[in-house]
C-alpha atoms as a PDB file:
ATOM      1  CA  UNK A   1     136.440  73.546  84.317  1.00  0.00           C
ATOM      2  CA  UNK A   2     139.288  76.310  84.988  1.00  0.00           C
ATOM      3  CA  UNK A   3     136.774  78.509  83.258  1.00  0.00           C
ATOM      4  CA  UNK A   4     134.248  78.102  85.076  1.00  0.00           C
ATOM      5  CA  UNK A   5     136.169  78.485  88.464  1.00  0.00           C
ATOM      6  CA  UNK A   6     136.708  81.976  87.478  1.00  0.00           C
ATOM      7  CA  UNK A   7     133.023  82.476  87.293  1.00  0.00           C
ATOM      8  CA  UNK A   8     131.374  84.954  89.900  1.00  0.00           C
ATOM      9  CA  UNK A   9     129.394  82.217  91.219  1.00  0.00           C
ATOM     10  CA  UNK A  10     131.947  79.774  91.604  1.00  0.00           C
ATOM     11  CA  UNK A  11     134.091  82.375  93.653  1.00  0.00           C
ATOM     12  CA  UNK A  12     131.296  83.156  96.053  1.00  0.00           C
ATOM     13  CA  UNK A  13     131.300  79.481  96.862  1.00  0.00           C
ATOM     14  CA  UNK A  14     134.783  80.048  98.353  1.00  0.00           C
ATOM     15  CA  UNK A  15     134.340  83.248 100.153  1.00  0.00           C
ATOM     16  CA  UNK A  16     133.321  82.449 103.525  1.00  0.00           C
ATOM     17  CA  UNK A  17     131.067  85.323 104.265  1.00  0.00           C
ATOM     18  CA  UNK A  18     128.999  84.482 100.893  1.00  0.00           C
ATOM     19  CA  UNK A  19     128.702  80.918 101.802  1.00  0.00           C
ATOM     20  CA  UNK A  20     127.489  81.838 105.250  1.00  0.00           C
ATOM     21  CA  UNK A  21     125.055  84.111 103.584  1.00  0.00           C
ATOM     22  CA  UNK A  22     123.862  81.522 101.432  1.00  0.00           C
ATOM     23  CA  UNK A  23     123.697  78.690 104.113  1.00  0.00           C
ATOM     24  CA  UNK A  24     121.298  80.964 106.105  1.00  0.00           C
ATOM     25  CA  UNK A  25     119.117  82.116 103.144  1.00  0.00           C
ATOM     26  CA  UNK A  26     118.451  79.056 100.979  1.00  0.00           C
ATOM     27  CA  UNK A  27     116.614  77.031 103.749  1.00  0.00           C
ATOM     28  CA  UNK A  28     114.527  80.112 104.517  1.00  0.00           C
ATOM     29  CA  UNK A  29     113.731  80.546 101.034  1.00  0.00           C
ATOM     30  CA  UNK A  30     112.950  76.560 100.572  1.00  0.00           C
ATOM     31  CA  UNK A  31     110.634  76.816 102.978  1.00  0.00           C
ATOM     32  CA  UNK A  32     109.039  79.579 101.514  1.00  0.00           C
ATOM     33  CA  UNK A  33     108.994  78.345  98.084  1.00  0.00           C
ATOM     34  CA  UNK A  34     107.284  74.634  99.371  1.00  0.00           C
ATOM     35  CA  UNK A  35     105.198  76.228 101.952  1.00  0.00           C
ATOM     36  CA  UNK A  36     101.808  74.810  99.889  1.00  0.00           C
ATOM     37  CA  UNK A  37     103.432  71.277  99.993  1.00  0.00           C
ATOM     38  CA  UNK A  38     104.566  71.530 103.921  1.00  0.00           C
ATOM     39  CA  UNK A  39     102.221  69.740 106.315  1.00  0.00           C
ATOM     40  CA  UNK A  40     101.227  73.444 108.012  1.00  0.00           C
ATOM     41  CA  UNK A  41      97.893  74.499 109.178  1.00  0.00           C
ATOM     42  CA  UNK A  42      96.038  76.663 107.391  1.00  0.00           C
ATOM     43  CA  UNK A  43      97.599  80.588 108.716  1.00  0.00           C
ATOM     44  CA  UNK A  44      93.987  82.020 108.930  1.00  0.00           C
ATOM     45  CA  UNK A  45      92.389  79.542 110.722  1.00  0.00           C
ATOM     46  CA  UNK A  46      90.890  80.151 113.977  1.00  0.00           C
ATOM     47  CA  UNK A  47      90.412  77.859 117.232  1.00  0.00           C
ATOM     48  CA  UNK A  48      89.278  80.045 120.224  1.00  0.00           C
ATOM     49  CA  UNK A  49      89.366  77.091 122.240  1.00  0.00           C
ATOM     50  CA  UNK A  50      93.079  77.098 121.743  1.00  0.00           C
ATOM     51  CA  UNK A  51      94.065  80.590 122.047  1.00  0.00           C
ATOM     52  CA  UNK A  52      97.046  81.256 123.601  1.00  0.00           C
ATOM     53  CA  UNK A  53      98.370  77.766 123.629  1.00  0.00           C
ATOM     54  CA  UNK A  54     101.905  77.312 124.390  1.00  0.00           C
ATOM     55  CA  UNK A  55     104.358  75.314 122.084  1.00  0.00           C
ATOM     56  CA  UNK A  56     103.047  71.535 121.609  1.00  0.00           C
ATOM     57  CA  UNK A  57     103.278  68.665 119.541  1.00  0.00           C
ATOM     58  CA  UNK A  58      99.871  70.034 117.503  1.00  0.00           C
ATOM     59  CA  UNK A  59     101.177  73.691 117.519  1.00  0.00           C
ATOM     60  CA  UNK A  60     105.306  73.364 117.733  1.00  0.00           C
ATOM     61  CA  UNK A  61     105.369  77.275 118.119  1.00  0.00           C
ATOM     62  CA  UNK A  62     102.300  77.710 119.731  1.00  0.00           C
ATOM     63  CA  UNK A  63      99.143  79.846 118.705  1.00  0.00           C
ATOM     64  CA  UNK A  64      98.317  83.071 119.025  1.00  0.00           C
ATOM     65  CA  UNK A  65      95.089  84.868 120.944  1.00  0.00           C
ATOM     66  CA  UNK A  66      92.344  83.693 118.465  1.00  0.00           C
ATOM     67  CA  UNK A  67      94.070  79.869 118.037  1.00  0.00           C
ATOM     68  CA  UNK A  68      95.985  80.602 114.717  1.00  0.00           C
ATOM     69  CA  UNK A  69      99.128  78.303 114.412  1.00  0.00           C
ATOM     70  CA  UNK A  70     102.277  80.748 114.980  1.00  0.00           C
ATOM     71  CA  UNK A  71     104.511  78.379 112.839  1.00  0.00           C
ATOM     72  CA  UNK A  72     102.086  78.283 109.962  1.00  0.00           C
ATOM     73  CA  UNK A  73     101.674  82.471 109.826  1.00  0.00           C
ATOM     74  CA  UNK A  74     105.779  82.775 110.549  1.00  0.00           C
ATOM     75  CA  UNK A  75     106.293  80.924 107.193  1.00  0.00           C
ATOM     76  CA  UNK A  76     103.548  82.670 105.623  1.00  0.00           C
ATOM     77  CA  UNK A  77     104.655  86.165 106.475  1.00  0.00           C
ATOM     78  CA  UNK A  78     108.031  85.130 105.349  1.00  0.00           C
ATOM     79  CA  UNK A  79     106.580  84.568 102.089  1.00  0.00           C
ATOM     80  CA  UNK A  80     105.270  88.300 101.935  1.00  0.00           C
ATOM     81  CA  UNK A  81     108.693  89.565 103.421  1.00  0.00           C
ATOM     82  CA  UNK A  82     110.607  87.982 100.483  1.00  0.00           C
ATOM     83  CA  UNK A  83     108.365  88.971  98.014  1.00  0.00           C
ATOM     84  CA  UNK A  84     108.548  92.766  99.001  1.00  0.00           C
ATOM     85  CA  UNK A  85     112.020  92.643 100.022  1.00  0.00           C
ATOM     86  CA  UNK A  86     113.229  91.001  96.522  1.00  0.00           C
ATOM     87  CA  UNK A  87     110.946  92.813  94.349  1.00  0.00           C
ATOM     88  CA  UNK A  88     112.366  96.369  96.117  1.00  0.00           C
ATOM     89  CA  UNK A  89     115.816  95.044  95.341  1.00  0.00           C
ATOM     90  CA  UNK A  90     114.796  94.328  91.757  1.00  0.00           C
ATOM     91  CA  UNK A  91     113.196  97.479  91.186  1.00  0.00           C
ATOM     92  CA  UNK A  92     115.506  99.838  92.969  1.00  0.00           C
ATOM     93  CA  UNK A  93     118.359  98.150  90.976  1.00  0.00           C
ATOM     94  CA  UNK A  94     116.905  98.503  87.625  1.00  0.00           C
ATOM     95  CA  UNK A  95     115.746 102.146  88.120  1.00  0.00           C
ATOM     96  CA  UNK A  96     118.873 103.205  89.950  1.00  0.00           C
ATOM     97  CA  UNK A  97     121.076 101.692  86.731  1.00  0.00           C
ATOM     98  CA  UNK A  98     118.744 103.198  84.269  1.00  0.00           C
ATOM     99  CA  UNK A  99     118.112 106.662  85.812  1.00  0.00           C
ATOM    100  CA  UNK A 100     121.722 107.007  87.340  1.00  0.00           C
ATOM    101  CA  UNK A 101     123.443 106.014  83.981  1.00  0.00           C
ATOM    102  CA  UNK A 102     121.395 108.856  82.016  1.00  0.00           C
ATOM    103  CA  UNK A 103     122.173 111.235  84.671  1.00  0.00           C
ATOM    104  CA  UNK A 104     125.783 110.678  85.043  1.00  0.00           C
ATOM    105  CA  UNK A 105     126.857 109.518  81.641  1.00  0.00           C
ATOM    106  CA  UNK A 106     125.144 112.693  79.356  1.00  0.00           C
ATOM    107  CA  UNK A 107     124.902 115.225  82.097  1.00  0.00           C
ATOM    108  CA  UNK A 108     123.505 118.866  81.170  1.00  0.00           C
ATOM    109  CA  UNK A 109     119.935 119.968  82.100  1.00  0.00           C
ATOM    110  CA  UNK A 110     118.614 116.722  82.505  1.00  0.00           C
ATOM    111  CA  UNK A 111     121.021 115.764  85.176  1.00  0.00           C
ATOM    112  CA  UNK A 112     120.399 118.568  87.272  1.00  0.00           C
ATOM    113  CA  UNK A 113     116.901 118.105  86.806  1.00  0.00           C
ATOM    114  CA  UNK A 114     117.163 114.725  87.878  1.00  0.00           C
ATOM    115  CA  UNK A 115     119.419 115.440  90.766  1.00  0.00           C
ATOM    116  CA  UNK A 116     117.125 118.221  92.038  1.00  0.00           C
ATOM    117  CA  UNK A 117     114.073 115.789  92.546  1.00  0.00           C
ATOM    118  CA  UNK A 118     116.244 112.858  93.833  1.00  0.00           C
ATOM    119  CA  UNK A 119     117.798 115.448  96.625  1.00  0.00           C
ATOM    120  CA  UNK A 120     114.181 116.258  97.450  1.00  0.00           C
ATOM    121  CA  UNK A 121     113.385 112.988  98.403  1.00  0.00           C
ATOM    122  CA  UNK A 122     116.703 112.344 100.324  1.00  0.00           C
ATOM    123  CA  UNK A 123     115.739 115.281 102.282  1.00  0.00           C
ATOM    124  CA  UNK A 124     113.212 112.866 104.334  1.00  0.00           C
ATOM    125  CA  UNK A 125     113.840 109.591 106.125  1.00  0.00           C
ATOM    126  CA  UNK A 126     113.118 106.637 103.863  1.00  0.00           C
ATOM    127  CA  UNK A 127     110.691 105.274 106.834  1.00  0.00           C
ATOM    128  CA  UNK A 128     109.033 108.661 107.049  1.00  0.00           C
ATOM    129  CA  UNK A 129     108.583 108.703 103.139  1.00  0.00           C
ATOM    130  CA  UNK A 130     107.473 105.508 102.975  1.00  0.00           C
ATOM    131  CA  UNK A 131     104.393 105.957 105.759  1.00  0.00           C
ATOM    132  CA  UNK A 132     103.889 109.142 103.930  1.00  0.00           C
ATOM    133  CA  UNK A 133     103.435 107.094 100.564  1.00  0.00           C
ATOM    134  CA  UNK A 134     101.750 104.183 102.098  1.00  0.00           C
ATOM    135  CA  UNK A 135      98.974 106.979 103.314  1.00  0.00           C
ATOM    136  CA  UNK A 136      98.523 108.054  99.721  1.00  0.00           C
ATOM    137  CA  UNK A 137      98.427 104.448  97.894  1.00  0.00           C
ATOM    138  CA  UNK A 138      96.803 102.567 100.747  1.00  0.00           C
ATOM    139  CA  UNK A 139      97.631  99.270 102.442  1.00  0.00           C
ATOM    140  CA  UNK A 140      98.533  96.028 100.748  1.00  0.00           C
ATOM    141  CA  UNK A 141     101.250  94.554  99.263  1.00  0.00           C
ATOM    142  CA  UNK A 142     101.589  96.516  95.947  1.00  0.00           C
ATOM    143  CA  UNK A 143     101.302  99.905  97.802  1.00  0.00           C
ATOM    144  CA  UNK A 144     103.939  99.004 100.063  1.00  0.00           C
ATOM    145  CA  UNK A 145     106.092  97.472  97.134  1.00  0.00           C
ATOM    146  CA  UNK A 146     105.729 100.831  95.388  1.00  0.00           C
ATOM    147  CA  UNK A 147     106.310 103.336  98.504  1.00  0.00           C
ATOM    148  CA  UNK A 148     109.320 101.338  99.758  1.00  0.00           C
ATOM    149  CA  UNK A 149     110.820 101.119  96.222  1.00  0.00           C
ATOM    150  CA  UNK A 150     110.124 104.768  95.913  1.00  0.00           C
ATOM    151  CA  UNK A 151     111.664 105.808  99.070  1.00  0.00           C
ATOM    152  CA  UNK A 152     114.810 103.777  98.400  1.00  0.00           C
ATOM    153  CA  UNK A 153     115.266 104.302  94.578  1.00  0.00           C
ATOM    154  CA  UNK A 154     117.134 108.003  95.274  1.00  0.00           C
ATOM    155  CA  UNK A 155     119.961 106.374  97.097  1.00  0.00           C
ATOM    156  CA  UNK A 156     120.323 103.673  94.305  1.00  0.00           C
ATOM    157  CA  UNK A 157     120.224 106.743  91.657  1.00  0.00           C
ATOM    158  CA  UNK A 158     122.669 108.633  93.591  1.00  0.00           C
ATOM    159  CA  UNK A 159     125.081 105.886  93.853  1.00  0.00           C
ATOM    160  CA  UNK A 160     125.095 104.806  90.218  1.00  0.00           C
ATOM    161  CA  UNK A 161     125.664 108.279  89.111  1.00  0.00           C
ATOM    162  CA  UNK A 162     128.653 108.585  91.128  1.00  0.00           C
ATOM    163  CA  UNK A 163     129.861 105.405  89.801  1.00  0.00           C
ATOM    164  CA  UNK A 164     129.130 106.672  86.245  1.00  0.00           C
ATOM    165  CA  UNK A 165     131.402 109.858  86.929  1.00  0.00           C
ATOM    166  CA  UNK A 166     134.092 108.014  87.923  1.00  0.00           C
ATOM    167  CA  UNK A 167     133.895 105.458  85.059  1.00  0.00           C
ATOM    168  CA  UNK A 168     133.821 108.054  82.712  1.00  0.00           C
ATOM    169  CA  UNK A 169     136.681 110.450  83.941  1.00  0.00           C
ATOM    170  CA  UNK A 170     138.983 107.216  82.917  1.00  0.00           C
ATOM    171  CA  UNK A 171     141.132 107.200  80.194  1.00  0.00           C
ATOM    172  CA  UNK A 172     139.972 104.397  78.044  1.00  0.00           C
ATOM    173  CA  UNK A 173     136.657 106.172  77.965  1.00  0.00           C
ATOM    174  CA  UNK A 174     138.383 109.368  76.427  1.00  0.00           C
ATOM    175  CA  UNK A 175     140.158 106.844  74.112  1.00  0.00           C
ATOM    176  CA  UNK A 176     136.727 105.435  72.910  1.00  0.00           C
ATOM    177  CA  UNK A 177     135.355 108.670  72.432  1.00  0.00           C
ATOM    178  CA  UNK A 178     138.550 110.140  70.575  1.00  0.00           C
ATOM    179  CA  UNK A 179     137.733 106.987  67.767  1.00  0.00           C
ATOM    180  CA  UNK A 180     134.237 108.250  67.874  1.00  0.00           C
ATOM    181  CA  UNK A 181     132.669 105.234  69.258  1.00  0.00           C
ATOM    182  CA  UNK A 182     128.709 105.617  69.995  1.00  0.00           C
ATOM    183  CA  UNK A 183     127.403 106.556  73.509  1.00  0.00           C
ATOM    184  CA  UNK A 184     125.195 103.134  73.325  1.00  0.00           C
ATOM    185  CA  UNK A 185     128.330 101.267  73.020  1.00  0.00           C
ATOM    186  CA  UNK A 186     130.394 103.122  75.784  1.00  0.00           C
ATOM    187  CA  UNK A 187     127.370 102.380  78.289  1.00  0.00           C
ATOM    188  CA  UNK A 188     126.896  98.999  77.408  1.00  0.00           C
ATOM    189  CA  UNK A 189     130.628  97.900  76.837  1.00  0.00           C
ATOM    190  CA  UNK A 190     132.560  99.980  79.492  1.00  0.00           C
ATOM    191  CA  UNK A 191     129.913 102.054  81.755  1.00  0.00           C
ATOM    192  CA  UNK A 192     127.398  99.122  82.888  1.00  0.00           C
ATOM    193  CA  UNK A 193     130.047  96.349  83.266  1.00  0.00           C
ATOM    194  CA  UNK A 194     132.125  98.672  84.978  1.00  0.00           C
ATOM    195  CA  UNK A 195     129.180 100.061  87.741  1.00  0.00           C
ATOM    196  CA  UNK A 196     127.167  96.799  87.984  1.00  0.00           C
ATOM    197  CA  UNK A 197     129.401  94.965  91.069  1.00  0.00           C
ATOM    198  CA  UNK A 198     128.603  97.946  93.382  1.00  0.00           C
ATOM    199  CA  UNK A 199     124.961  98.079  92.666  1.00  0.00           C
ATOM    200  CA  UNK A 200     124.504  94.604  92.953  1.00  0.00           C
ATOM    201  CA  UNK A 201     126.092  94.660  96.500  1.00  0.00           C
ATOM    202  CA  UNK A 202     123.765  97.862  97.355  1.00  0.00           C
ATOM    203  CA  UNK A 203     120.238  95.688  96.129  1.00  0.00           C
ATOM    204  CA  UNK A 204     121.237  93.228  98.624  1.00  0.00           C
ATOM    205  CA  UNK A 205     121.439  95.772 101.457  1.00  0.00           C
ATOM    206  CA  UNK A 206     118.441  97.416  99.750  1.00  0.00           C
ATOM    207  CA  UNK A 207     116.472  93.983 100.117  1.00  0.00           C
ATOM    208  CA  UNK A 208     117.417  93.625 103.984  1.00  0.00           C
ATOM    209  CA  UNK A 209     116.153  97.245 104.674  1.00  0.00           C
ATOM    210  CA  UNK A 210     112.944  96.821 102.449  1.00  0.00           C
ATOM    211  CA  UNK A 211     112.195  93.600 104.899  1.00  0.00           C
ATOM    212  CA  UNK A 212     112.882  95.911 107.810  1.00  0.00           C
ATOM    213  CA  UNK A 213     110.761  98.837 106.725  1.00  0.00           C
ATOM    214  CA  UNK A 214     107.722  96.314 105.355  1.00  0.00           C
ATOM    215  CA  UNK A 215     107.998  94.778 109.306  1.00  0.00           C
ATOM    216  CA  UNK A 216     107.460  98.210 110.600  1.00  0.00           C
ATOM    217  CA  UNK A 217     104.779  99.445 108.367  1.00  0.00           C
ATOM    218  CA  UNK A 218     102.795  96.370 109.191  1.00  0.00           C
ATOM    219  CA  UNK A 219     103.656  96.589 112.639  1.00  0.00           C
ATOM    220  CA  UNK A 220     102.481 100.161 112.598  1.00  0.00           C
ATOM    221  CA  UNK A 221      98.917  98.802 110.513  1.00  0.00           C
ATOM    222  CA  UNK A 222      99.926 100.304 107.841  1.00  0.00           C
ATOM    223  CA  UNK A 223     101.524  97.446 105.822  1.00  0.00           C
ATOM    224  CA  UNK A 224     100.236  94.422 104.687  1.00  0.00           C
ATOM    225  CA  UNK A 225      95.987  94.603 105.872  1.00  0.00           C
ATOM    226  CA  UNK A 226      95.228  91.465 108.173  1.00  0.00           C
ATOM    227  CA  UNK A 227      94.399  88.742 108.285  1.00  0.00           C
ATOM    228  CA  UNK A 228      96.791  88.258 105.846  1.00  0.00           C
ATOM    229  CA  UNK A 229      99.833  87.425 107.909  1.00  0.00           C
ATOM    230  CA  UNK A 230     103.025  89.499 108.018  1.00  0.00           C
ATOM    231  CA  UNK A 231     106.112  89.447 109.869  1.00  0.00           C
ATOM    232  CA  UNK A 232     105.339  92.912 111.489  1.00  0.00           C
ATOM    233  CA  UNK A 233     101.565  92.504 112.218  1.00  0.00           C
ATOM    234  CA  UNK A 234     102.100  89.178 113.857  1.00  0.00           C
ATOM    235  CA  UNK A 235     104.714  90.901 116.018  1.00  0.00           C
ATOM    236  CA  UNK A 236     102.163  93.396 116.714  1.00  0.00           C
ATOM    237  CA  UNK A 237      99.529  90.780 117.552  1.00  0.00           C
ATOM    238  CA  UNK A 238     101.692  89.289 120.285  1.00  0.00           C
ATOM    239  CA  UNK A 239     102.728  92.986 122.061  1.00  0.00           C
ATOM    240  CA  UNK A 240     100.221  92.707 124.406  1.00  0.00           C
ATOM    241  CA  UNK A 241     100.882  88.893 125.264  1.00  0.00           C
ATOM    242  CA  UNK A 242     104.712  89.302 125.774  1.00  0.00           C
ATOM    243  CA  UNK A 243     104.528  87.946 129.630  1.00  0.00           C
ATOM    244  CA  UNK A 244     101.909  85.584 128.898  1.00  0.00           C
ATOM    245  CA  UNK A 245     102.331  84.247 125.268  1.00  0.00           C
ATOM    246  CA  UNK A 246     106.189  85.198 124.327  1.00  0.00           C
ATOM    247  CA  UNK A 247     106.231  83.088 121.827  1.00  0.00           C
ATOM    248  CA  UNK A 248     103.899  84.956 119.691  1.00  0.00           C
ATOM    249  CA  UNK A 249     106.261  87.727 118.552  1.00  0.00           C
ATOM    250  CA  UNK A 250     109.973  85.888 119.310  1.00  0.00           C
ATOM    251  CA  UNK A 251     109.590  83.782 116.025  1.00  0.00           C
ATOM    252  CA  UNK A 252     108.791  86.102 113.636  1.00  0.00           C
ATOM    253  CA  UNK A 253     111.163  88.980 115.182  1.00  0.00           C
ATOM    254  CA  UNK A 254     114.045  86.198 114.887  1.00  0.00           C
ATOM    255  CA  UNK A 255     113.041  85.264 111.311  1.00  0.00           C
ATOM    256  CA  UNK A 256     113.748  89.042 110.523  1.00  0.00           C
ATOM    257  CA  UNK A 257     116.811  89.283 112.130  1.00  0.00           C
ATOM    258  CA  UNK A 258     118.412  85.964 110.743  1.00  0.00           C
ATOM    259  CA  UNK A 259     117.129  87.421 107.094  1.00  0.00           C
ATOM    260  CA  UNK A 260     118.518  90.767 107.737  1.00  0.00           C
ATOM    261  CA  UNK A 261     122.093  88.983 108.777  1.00  0.00           C
ATOM    262  CA  UNK A 262     121.821  86.550 105.595  1.00  0.00           C
ATOM    263  CA  UNK A 263     121.601  89.286 103.099  1.00  0.00           C
ATOM    264  CA  UNK A 264     124.358  91.171 105.076  1.00  0.00           C
ATOM    265  CA  UNK A 265     126.736  88.566 104.998  1.00  0.00           C
ATOM    266  CA  UNK A 266     125.725  87.678 100.988  1.00  0.00           C
ATOM    267  CA  UNK A 267     126.450  91.502 100.069  1.00  0.00           C
ATOM    268  CA  UNK A 268     129.956  91.373 101.784  1.00  0.00           C
ATOM    269  CA  UNK A 269     130.446  88.130  99.994  1.00  0.00           C
ATOM    270  CA  UNK A 270     129.212  89.498  96.587  1.00  0.00           C
ATOM    271  CA  UNK A 271     131.609  92.784  97.125  1.00  0.00           C
ATOM    272  CA  UNK A 272     134.568  90.562  97.857  1.00  0.00           C
ATOM    273  CA  UNK A 273     134.311  88.571  94.697  1.00  0.00           C
ATOM    274  CA  UNK A 274     133.455  91.235  92.309  1.00  0.00           C
ATOM    275  CA  UNK A 275     135.749  94.057  93.480  1.00  0.00           C
ATOM    276  CA  UNK A 276     139.110  93.251  92.267  1.00  0.00           C
ATOM    277  CA  UNK A 277     140.580  95.666  94.967  1.00  0.00           C
ATOM    278  CA  UNK A 278     139.422  93.601  97.764  1.00  0.00           C
ATOM    279  CA  UNK A 279     141.670  91.374  99.625  1.00  0.00           C
ATOM    280  CA  UNK A 280     141.453  87.485  99.433  1.00  0.00           C
END
């Protein structure tokens, strides 16, 4: 049992910010996962006669202009946002660790080429770059995931490379090289274990940023294609009815805000748990 308490997962459960982030995110994740079995209306079902209906027992969060239930559409949009956010975080984490480790550990010509390409992408704001890539790839969930991943990947590469350069200059790496330790052993035994913690923190922040970017793209009409619900296009649908039917845009906006806050609190908790220099 003492060994289990020393695991990062158990330490995270004793961290206030980490617990707060989990308490915020877990109910939303459970709702998104259990949506098919929950008593929710079809998010695509229309009822013109019930258009712009205010919150009631039949529609707890009201309806939009063509009578679609806002609660079911928000839950479905939340599923889309979480898929996009966590997929982008996973892709950038894996790609950043792989490319950044190769670039920082081996250096030389490949490092210069990788950093040259990375700097070109970093010259553009990530949202502007994502808009340009979506215009090339087209709308839809997979193109949006690819576009946001490409836009966020250069920062992950830069972070991993800087971490690898910092670890590579330490004394125990020099000692391992003196005894002719192979490069693969150095990377998997020393480099990666000492760089994974900041990358996990970065991945949780990337997930929050990706959810906001996906909502922005959908709001602009470049993300998830209607009638498929997305938090961004639901907010866009209610933009013209803010005074008459404020509930259309309010709930999706609150969901985006709550998810972002939860992910940032979780990232702070992970940082404090995995970083030995952090104060308890």
